[in-house]
Amino acid sequence: MAENTDELQQFRASVRAFCDREIVPYMDEWERAGAFDAHELFPKVAAQGYLGLGHSVENGGEDAPMEYQMIFGEELGRANTAGISMAINVQMHMATPSLGRFGSAELKEKYLRPAINGEMVAAIAVTEPGAGSDVATLGTKAYRDGDDWVISGSKIFITNGVQADWFCMLVRTSDEGGYRGMSQIIVPAGLPGFEVARKLDKLGNRSSDTVELRLENVRVPVSNTIGEIGRGFQQQMQQFVIERLSACFTAVGASEWALEKTREYMKTREAFGAPLASRQYPVFKLTELSADVEMMRALNERMCRLYNAGEDITREATVGKLFAGRLIRNVADTALQFHGGLGYMEENWTARFLRDARLSSIGGGADEVMLQVLARLDGFKI
């Protein structure tokens, strides 16, 4: 990837300036409040063309090469902004890719274009109280009644759920078991029988709202089905690949920023008569982590090239998601450790960074699921 081209460098500078102007100054306030106004922020993000980077011009997007999404993700991940980064990534990479790829022209016009323009907030609804990473056990059901689906069930850990105007929801639309008989359906918020049951109180990413949903005989037009009825699982697996890419991108930006901050602190913090930056162990530890970040970036660049060429990157994205989660957790723990007692104080950036980083090995597919996927790709039957 020719990341050093003037165009990409200018794009990186513009994204950083936007984040420094519209996100970073408000993060502490949003974290304390446990929420931010997505209907105010998302139109600003959309005005720069960011929400549509991965979508076609025909659908109102930018149709940009994946490298632009990588740079956007890196910059979005900087400056301890994980909660907002999560919310924007849901809009861009988790709730809308299937709609853009498989949705009808009518659905795209009604739901995708407003999401790209920041006029509607979107959410992805897959996880259930009894079906987390094991999507095959999903139990929310829809039966057909004339031209409507009638949906009943529950969803949990739904990011953007308080503010979402619509949900890309995976439900079971036949009695076939396992991975068969599921469909992706656009479910607008506020329909009769649709309830945001509760907002969840999380360890980290507190500025990003997360909820539990309950549905009881919610009627949705069958025309709201994304793609082919009964192919929802397969479509969702492709959407998961884009989600995992976004996690890889933001992990690099966040880790790089945290290492920069820790390096600066080590130059000024003295212990036993000398700066920490003169001690071999902490220096080597940060250097090793910096090397890991470079390796992660190299994999990200490879994934961008393969994706742009139309290749299947399921394996690469799974490896990346596994490594990225472990990397940012290691960076967060090391940064706090080298800040000592100060790092454990809520007033310091390291405390929030540590709390936020822990989600990286759970959300979007736990580490154990990534290992299971890779084991199966290697021919193991588990």
Protein backbone atom coordinates (compact mmCIF):
# COMPACT_ATOMS: atom_id res chain seq x y z
CA MET A 1 0.00 0.00 0.00
CA ALA A 2 1.31 3.39 -0.97
CA GLU A 3 0.38 4.95 2.35
CA ASN A 4 2.92 7.74 1.90
CA THR A 5 1.18 9.21 -1.12
CA ASP A 6 0.16 12.81 -0.73
CA GLU A 7 -3.54 12.01 -1.05
CA LEU A 8 -3.55 9.45 1.76
CA GLN A 9 -1.42 11.66 3.98
CA GLN A 10 -3.80 14.56 3.41
CA PHE A 11 -6.72 12.31 4.22
CA ARG A 12 -5.07 11.24 7.47
CA ALA A 13 -4.45 14.86 8.42
CA SER A 14 -8.07 15.80 7.70
CA VAL A 15 -9.42 12.92 9.82
CA ARG A 16 -7.11 13.80 12.71
CA ALA A 17 -8.15 17.43 12.54
CA PHE A 18 -11.81 16.44 12.54
CA CYS A 19 -11.39 14.16 15.57
CA ASP A 20 -9.40 16.83 17.41
CA ARG A 21 -12.17 19.34 16.73
CA GLU A 22 -15.40 17.36 17.03
CA ILE A 23 -14.65 14.36 19.29
CA VAL A 24 -11.61 14.64 21.56
CA PRO A 25 -12.65 17.85 23.40
CA TYR A 26 -15.98 16.29 24.44
CA MET A 27 -14.88 12.77 25.38
CA ASP A 28 -14.62 13.35 29.13
CA GLU A 29 -18.07 14.94 29.21
CA TRP A 30 -19.61 12.11 27.16
CA GLU A 31 -17.95 9.47 29.31
CA ARG A 32 -19.27 11.06 32.51
CA ALA A 33 -22.76 11.30 31.01
CA GLY A 34 -22.62 7.73 29.72
CA ALA A 35 -23.93 8.91 26.36
CA PHE A 36 -23.42 11.24 23.41
CA ASP A 37 -25.86 12.62 20.87
CA ALA A 38 -25.35 10.51 17.76
CA HIS A 39 -27.95 12.47 15.82
CA GLU A 40 -25.81 15.56 16.36
CA LEU A 41 -22.37 14.00 15.77
CA PHE A 42 -23.10 11.61 12.90
CA PRO A 43 -24.20 14.31 10.43
CA LYS A 44 -20.85 16.01 11.07
CA VAL A 45 -19.02 12.76 10.36
CA ALA A 46 -21.14 12.25 7.26
CA ALA A 47 -20.47 15.77 5.97
CA GLN A 48 -16.80 14.80 5.61
CA GLY A 49 -17.76 11.70 3.60
CA TYR A 50 -16.49 9.33 6.30
CA LEU A 51 -19.66 7.30 6.93
CA GLY A 52 -19.84 6.37 3.26
CA LEU A 53 -16.21 5.42 2.68
CA GLY A 54 -17.00 1.74 2.12
CA HIS A 55 -20.23 2.19 0.19
CA SER A 56 -20.76 2.68 -3.52
CA VAL A 57 -21.35 6.04 -5.10
CA GLU A 58 -24.67 4.67 -6.35
CA ASN A 59 -25.77 4.22 -2.72
CA GLY A 60 -24.54 7.67 -1.68
CA GLY A 61 -21.07 6.60 -0.56
CA GLU A 62 -17.50 7.32 -1.56
CA ASP A 63 -16.49 3.88 -2.91
CA ALA A 64 -13.02 4.47 -1.47
CA PRO A 65 -10.30 1.80 -1.40
CA MET A 66 -10.07 -0.02 1.91
CA GLU A 67 -6.89 1.89 2.79
CA TYR A 68 -9.02 4.95 3.47
CA GLN A 69 -11.13 3.04 5.95
CA MET A 70 -7.94 1.77 7.56
CA ILE A 71 -6.60 5.30 8.03
CA PHE A 72 -9.96 6.51 9.26
CA GLY A 73 -10.06 3.66 11.78
CA GLU A 74 -6.54 4.38 13.01
CA GLU A 75 -7.26 8.05 13.54
CA LEU A 76 -10.62 7.34 15.14
CA GLY A 77 -8.87 5.03 17.60
CA ARG A 78 -6.46 7.66 18.83
CA ALA A 79 -6.83 9.87 21.91
CA ASN A 80 -8.80 7.53 24.19
CA THR A 81 -12.00 7.79 22.14
CA ALA A 82 -13.04 4.10 22.21
CA GLY A 83 -16.71 4.71 23.04
CA ILE A 84 -17.27 7.03 20.09
CA SER A 85 -15.07 4.91 17.86
CA MET A 86 -17.29 1.93 18.67
CA ALA A 87 -20.49 3.82 17.86
CA ILE A 88 -19.20 5.10 14.51
CA ASN A 89 -17.77 1.72 13.56
CA VAL A 90 -21.17 0.13 14.21
CA GLN A 91 -22.73 2.60 11.80
CA MET A 92 -20.07 2.08 9.14
CA HIS A 93 -18.88 -1.49 9.44
CA MET A 94 -21.39 -3.56 11.41
CA ALA A 95 -24.95 -2.45 10.66
CA THR A 96 -24.77 -1.31 7.02
CA PRO A 97 -22.43 -3.55 4.93
CA SER A 98 -25.02 -6.30 4.34
CA LEU A 99 -27.63 -3.72 3.39
CA GLY A 100 -25.23 -2.15 0.92
CA ARG A 101 -24.26 -5.50 -0.60
CA PHE A 102 -27.52 -7.46 -0.59
CA GLY A 103 -30.36 -5.01 0.05
CA SER A 104 -33.03 -4.04 -2.45
CA ALA A 105 -32.97 -0.63 -4.09
CA GLU A 106 -35.97 0.38 -1.97
CA LEU A 107 -34.32 -0.65 1.31
CA LYS A 108 -31.11 1.15 0.39
CA GLU A 109 -32.97 4.35 -0.39
CA LYS A 110 -35.06 4.19 2.77
CA TYR A 111 -32.40 3.11 5.28
CA LEU A 112 -28.87 3.00 3.88
CA ARG A 113 -28.68 6.41 2.25
CA PRO A 114 -29.95 8.19 5.42
CA ALA A 115 -27.41 6.23 7.49
CA ILE A 116 -24.58 7.26 5.17
CA ASN A 117 -25.81 10.86 5.42
CA GLY A 118 -25.89 10.65 9.21
CA GLU A 119 -29.64 11.30 9.23
CA MET A 120 -30.41 7.89 10.75
CA VAL A 121 -28.52 5.96 13.43
CA ALA A 122 -28.13 2.25 12.76
CA ALA A 123 -27.39 -0.74 14.99
CA ILE A 124 -26.64 -4.41 14.53
CA ALA A 125 -28.73 -6.90 16.53
CA VAL A 126 -27.35 -10.44 16.57
CA THR A 127 -26.34 -11.39 20.12
CA GLU A 128 -28.99 -12.81 22.46
CA PRO A 129 -29.04 -13.61 26.18
CA GLY A 130 -28.71 -17.31 25.32
CA ALA A 131 -26.76 -16.99 22.08
CA GLY A 132 -23.57 -14.96 22.19
CA SER A 133 -20.71 -15.95 19.93
CA ASP A 134 -22.54 -19.20 19.08
CA VAL A 135 -24.83 -17.72 16.45
CA ALA A 136 -26.18 -21.18 15.57
CA THR A 137 -28.21 -21.19 18.80
CA LEU A 138 -29.97 -17.93 17.94
CA GLY A 139 -33.59 -18.08 19.10
CA THR A 140 -35.36 -14.86 18.06
CA LYS A 141 -38.01 -16.03 15.60
CA ALA A 142 -40.12 -14.55 12.86
CA TYR A 143 -43.11 -16.20 11.23
CA ARG A 144 -44.76 -14.96 8.09
CA ASP A 145 -48.26 -13.54 8.18
CA GLY A 146 -49.22 -12.36 4.71
CA ASP A 147 -46.80 -9.62 3.69
CA ASP A 148 -45.39 -9.22 7.22
CA TRP A 149 -42.86 -10.89 9.45
CA VAL A 150 -44.04 -11.21 13.05
CA ILE A 151 -40.94 -11.20 15.27
CA SER A 152 -40.58 -12.24 18.91
CA GLY A 153 -37.47 -12.65 21.03
CA SER A 154 -34.72 -10.65 22.66
CA LYS A 155 -31.31 -9.20 21.81
CA ILE A 156 -28.56 -8.02 24.13
CA PHE A 157 -25.32 -5.98 24.06
CA ILE A 158 -26.70 -3.85 21.22
CA THR A 159 -24.48 -0.81 20.61
CA ASN A 160 -26.28 2.41 19.60
CA GLY A 161 -29.48 0.76 20.82
CA VAL A 162 -30.88 3.76 22.70
CA GLN A 163 -30.54 6.09 19.72
CA ALA A 164 -30.88 3.74 16.77
CA ASP A 165 -33.54 4.49 14.18
CA TRP A 166 -33.26 0.98 12.73
CA PHE A 167 -31.62 -2.35 13.45
CA CYS A 168 -30.04 -4.87 11.12
CA MET A 169 -31.44 -7.90 12.97
CA LEU A 170 -30.60 -11.56 12.47
CA VAL A 171 -33.62 -13.74 13.21
CA ARG A 172 -34.74 -17.30 12.59
CA THR A 173 -37.34 -17.38 9.79
CA SER A 174 -37.81 -21.14 9.50
CA ASP A 175 -37.78 -24.20 11.73
CA GLU A 176 -34.48 -25.40 10.32
CA GLY A 177 -31.89 -25.69 13.05
CA GLY A 178 -28.27 -24.63 13.33
CA TYR A 179 -26.99 -22.19 10.76
CA ARG A 180 -29.92 -22.68 8.37
CA GLY A 181 -33.11 -20.74 8.10
CA MET A 182 -31.95 -17.34 9.36
CA SER A 183 -32.60 -13.99 7.69
CA GLN A 184 -31.38 -10.43 8.11
CA ILE A 185 -34.28 -8.03 8.54
CA ILE A 186 -34.39 -4.25 8.93
CA VAL A 187 -36.42 -3.56 12.08
CA PRO A 188 -37.26 0.12 12.65
CA ALA A 189 -37.24 1.32 16.24
CA GLY A 190 -40.46 2.24 17.98
CA LEU A 191 -42.80 -0.29 16.41
CA PRO A 192 -45.61 -1.74 18.57
CA GLY A 193 -44.18 -4.59 20.63
CA PHE A 194 -40.60 -3.33 20.23
CA GLU A 195 -38.97 -2.26 23.49
CA VAL A 196 -35.56 -1.06 24.63
CA ALA A 197 -35.78 -3.04 27.85
CA ARG A 198 -32.79 -1.50 29.59
CA LYS A 199 -29.59 0.40 29.04
CA LEU A 200 -26.63 -1.66 30.23
CA ASP A 201 -24.07 -0.35 32.72
CA LYS A 202 -20.69 -1.29 31.24
CA LEU A 203 -17.13 -1.48 32.53
CA GLY A 204 -15.81 0.63 29.67
CA ASN A 205 -16.81 2.36 26.41
CA ARG A 206 -19.27 4.21 28.61
CA SER A 207 -20.05 7.02 26.16
CA SER A 208 -21.42 4.42 23.73
CA ASP A 209 -24.91 3.29 24.74
CA THR A 210 -25.54 -0.47 24.86
CA VAL A 211 -28.94 -2.04 25.46
CA GLU A 212 -31.12 -5.11 25.74
CA LEU A 213 -34.03 -5.32 23.31
CA ARG A 214 -37.30 -7.20 23.63
CA LEU A 215 -39.67 -7.94 20.77
CA GLU A 216 -43.18 -9.34 21.13
CA ASN A 217 -45.13 -9.90 17.93
CA VAL A 218 -43.42 -7.00 16.16
CA ARG A 219 -44.74 -6.70 12.61
CA VAL A 220 -42.26 -5.79 9.89
CA PRO A 221 -42.84 -5.95 6.12
CA VAL A 222 -41.30 -8.99 4.45
CA SER A 223 -39.84 -6.48 2.00
CA ASN A 224 -37.54 -5.38 4.86
CA THR A 225 -35.59 -8.62 4.44
CA ILE A 226 -32.01 -7.97 3.37
CA GLY A 227 -31.03 -10.23 0.49
CA GLU A 228 -32.37 -13.75 0.28
CA ILE A 229 -34.71 -15.22 2.89
CA GLY A 230 -32.88 -18.01 4.71
CA ARG A 231 -29.39 -16.73 3.81
CA GLY A 232 -29.02 -14.37 6.75
CA PHE A 233 -26.33 -16.36 8.52
CA GLN A 234 -24.11 -16.46 5.45
CA GLN A 235 -24.63 -12.75 4.85
CA GLN A 236 -23.89 -11.99 8.49
CA MET A 237 -20.62 -13.93 8.31
CA GLN A 238 -19.50 -11.68 5.47
CA GLN A 239 -20.54 -8.64 7.48
CA PHE A 240 -18.49 -9.96 10.43
CA VAL A 241 -15.37 -9.83 8.25
CA ILE A 242 -15.79 -6.07 7.78
CA GLU A 243 -16.46 -5.68 11.50
CA ARG A 244 -13.24 -7.50 12.36
CA LEU A 245 -11.30 -5.34 9.93
CA SER A 246 -12.51 -2.23 11.71
CA ALA A 247 -11.34 -3.67 15.04
CA CYS A 248 -7.90 -4.28 13.55
CA PHE A 249 -7.68 -0.73 12.24
CA THR A 250 -8.71 1.03 15.45
CA ALA A 251 -6.44 -1.18 17.57
CA VAL A 252 -3.41 0.08 15.66
CA GLY A 253 -4.32 3.74 16.11
CA ALA A 254 -5.21 3.36 19.78
CA SER A 255 -2.11 1.32 20.59
CA GLU A 256 0.22 3.68 18.76
CA TRP A 257 -1.26 6.68 20.60
CA ALA A 258 -0.98 4.99 24.00
CA LEU A 259 2.63 4.02 23.40
CA GLU A 260 3.45 7.60 22.36
CA LYS A 261 1.89 8.94 25.55
CA THR A 262 3.72 6.40 27.70
CA ARG A 263 7.02 7.11 26.01
CA GLU A 264 6.62 10.83 26.76
CA TYR A 265 5.84 10.09 30.40
CA MET A 266 8.85 7.81 30.79
CA LYS A 267 11.15 10.63 29.72
CA THR A 268 9.98 12.83 32.61
CA ARG A 269 9.25 10.28 35.35
CA GLU A 270 12.29 9.61 37.53
CA ALA A 271 12.74 6.46 39.61
CA PHE A 272 15.83 5.67 41.68
CA GLY A 273 17.62 8.74 40.41
CA ALA A 274 17.06 8.37 36.67
CA PRO A 275 14.23 8.69 34.14
CA LEU A 276 12.29 5.52 33.36
CA ALA A 277 13.33 6.07 29.75
CA SER A 278 16.89 5.16 30.74
CA ARG A 279 15.87 1.78 32.17
CA GLN A 280 16.31 -1.16 29.87
CA TYR A 281 13.24 -3.19 30.81
CA PRO A 282 10.55 -0.53 30.25
CA VAL A 283 12.32 0.69 27.12
CA PHE A 284 12.54 -2.81 25.68
CA LYS A 285 8.93 -3.55 26.61
CA LEU A 286 7.65 -0.49 24.78
CA THR A 287 9.93 -1.20 21.84
CA GLU A 288 8.59 -4.74 21.60
CA LEU A 289 5.01 -3.49 21.67
CA SER A 290 5.83 -0.91 19.00
CA ALA A 291 7.16 -3.73 16.84
CA ASP A 292 3.91 -5.63 17.39
CA VAL A 293 1.94 -2.57 16.27
CA GLU A 294 4.01 -2.42 13.09
CA MET A 295 3.31 -6.10 12.45
CA MET A 296 -0.39 -5.48 12.97
CA ARG A 297 -0.30 -2.54 10.56
CA ALA A 298 1.48 -4.69 7.97
CA LEU A 299 -1.29 -7.29 8.22
CA ASN A 300 -3.89 -4.54 7.91
CA GLU A 301 -2.23 -3.25 4.75
CA ARG A 302 -2.17 -6.78 3.32
CA MET A 303 -5.87 -7.21 4.10
CA CYS A 304 -6.63 -3.92 2.36
CA ARG A 305 -4.82 -5.06 -0.79
CA LEU A 306 -6.55 -8.45 -0.82
CA TYR A 307 -9.97 -6.95 -0.13
CA ASN A 308 -9.57 -4.38 -2.89
CA ALA A 309 -8.69 -7.25 -5.25
CA GLY A 310 -11.87 -9.10 -4.32
CA GLU A 311 -10.15 -11.87 -2.37
CA ASP A 312 -11.69 -13.73 0.56
CA ILE A 313 -9.96 -12.41 3.70
CA THR A 314 -11.86 -14.44 6.29
CA ARG A 315 -8.69 -16.06 7.59
CA GLU A 316 -6.63 -12.88 7.63
CA ALA A 317 -9.39 -10.89 9.37
CA THR A 318 -9.80 -13.62 11.98
CA VAL A 319 -6.06 -13.73 12.68
CA GLY A 320 -6.04 -9.94 12.83
CA LYS A 321 -8.97 -9.72 15.23
CA LEU A 322 -7.33 -12.25 17.56
CA PHE A 323 -3.95 -10.50 17.50
CA ALA A 324 -5.39 -6.97 17.70
CA GLY A 325 -7.40 -7.76 20.82
CA ARG A 326 -4.42 -9.21 22.62
CA LEU A 327 -2.15 -6.41 21.45
CA ILE A 328 -4.24 -3.50 22.71
CA ARG A 329 -4.86 -5.27 26.03
CA ASN A 330 -1.10 -5.71 26.45
CA VAL A 331 -0.49 -2.08 25.54
CA ALA A 332 -3.14 -0.88 28.01
CA ASP A 333 -1.78 -3.00 30.86
CA THR A 334 1.82 -1.96 30.17
CA ALA A 335 0.93 1.74 29.94
CA LEU A 336 -0.82 1.63 33.29
CA GLN A 337 2.01 -0.35 34.89
CA PHE A 338 4.66 2.13 33.81
CA HIS A 339 2.58 5.03 35.12
CA GLY A 340 2.54 3.32 38.52
CA GLY A 341 0.04 4.59 41.10
CA LEU A 342 -0.80 7.58 38.89
CA GLY A 343 -1.88 5.19 36.17
CA TYR A 344 -4.42 3.61 38.51
CA MET A 345 -6.12 6.94 39.15
CA GLU A 346 -9.32 7.65 37.27
CA GLU A 347 -8.03 11.16 36.52
CA ASN A 348 -5.30 9.73 34.30
CA TRP A 349 -5.92 8.55 30.73
CA THR A 350 -4.57 5.07 31.45
CA ALA A 351 -7.53 4.05 33.64
CA ARG A 352 -10.15 4.56 30.93
CA PHE A 353 -7.87 3.12 28.28
CA LEU A 354 -7.46 -0.10 30.28
CA ARG A 355 -11.21 -0.45 30.87
CA ASP A 356 -12.05 0.22 27.24
CA ALA A 357 -9.37 -2.10 25.85
CA ARG A 358 -10.73 -5.14 27.67
CA LEU A 359 -13.69 -5.38 25.30
CA SER A 360 -11.39 -5.98 22.34
CA SER A 361 -11.07 -9.71 23.03
CA ILE A 362 -14.82 -10.17 23.61
CA GLY A 363 -16.80 -7.88 21.33
CA GLY A 364 -17.09 -8.75 17.66
CA GLY A 365 -16.25 -12.37 18.42
CA ALA A 366 -14.33 -13.54 21.45
CA ASP A 367 -10.73 -14.74 21.18
CA GLU A 368 -11.94 -18.30 21.67
CA VAL A 369 -14.28 -18.00 18.69
CA MET A 370 -11.47 -16.64 16.54
CA LEU A 371 -9.38 -19.68 17.52
CA GLN A 372 -12.26 -22.00 16.70
CA VAL A 373 -12.70 -20.45 13.25
CA LEU A 374 -8.99 -20.74 12.55
CA ALA A 375 -8.85 -24.32 13.81
CA ARG A 376 -11.66 -25.28 11.46
CA LEU A 377 -9.94 -23.55 8.57
CA ASP A 378 -6.89 -25.67 9.42
CA GLY A 379 -8.98 -28.83 9.11
CA PHE A 380 -9.74 -29.60 12.75
CA LYS A 381 -13.28 -30.79 13.52
CA ILE A 382 -14.18 -29.08 16.78
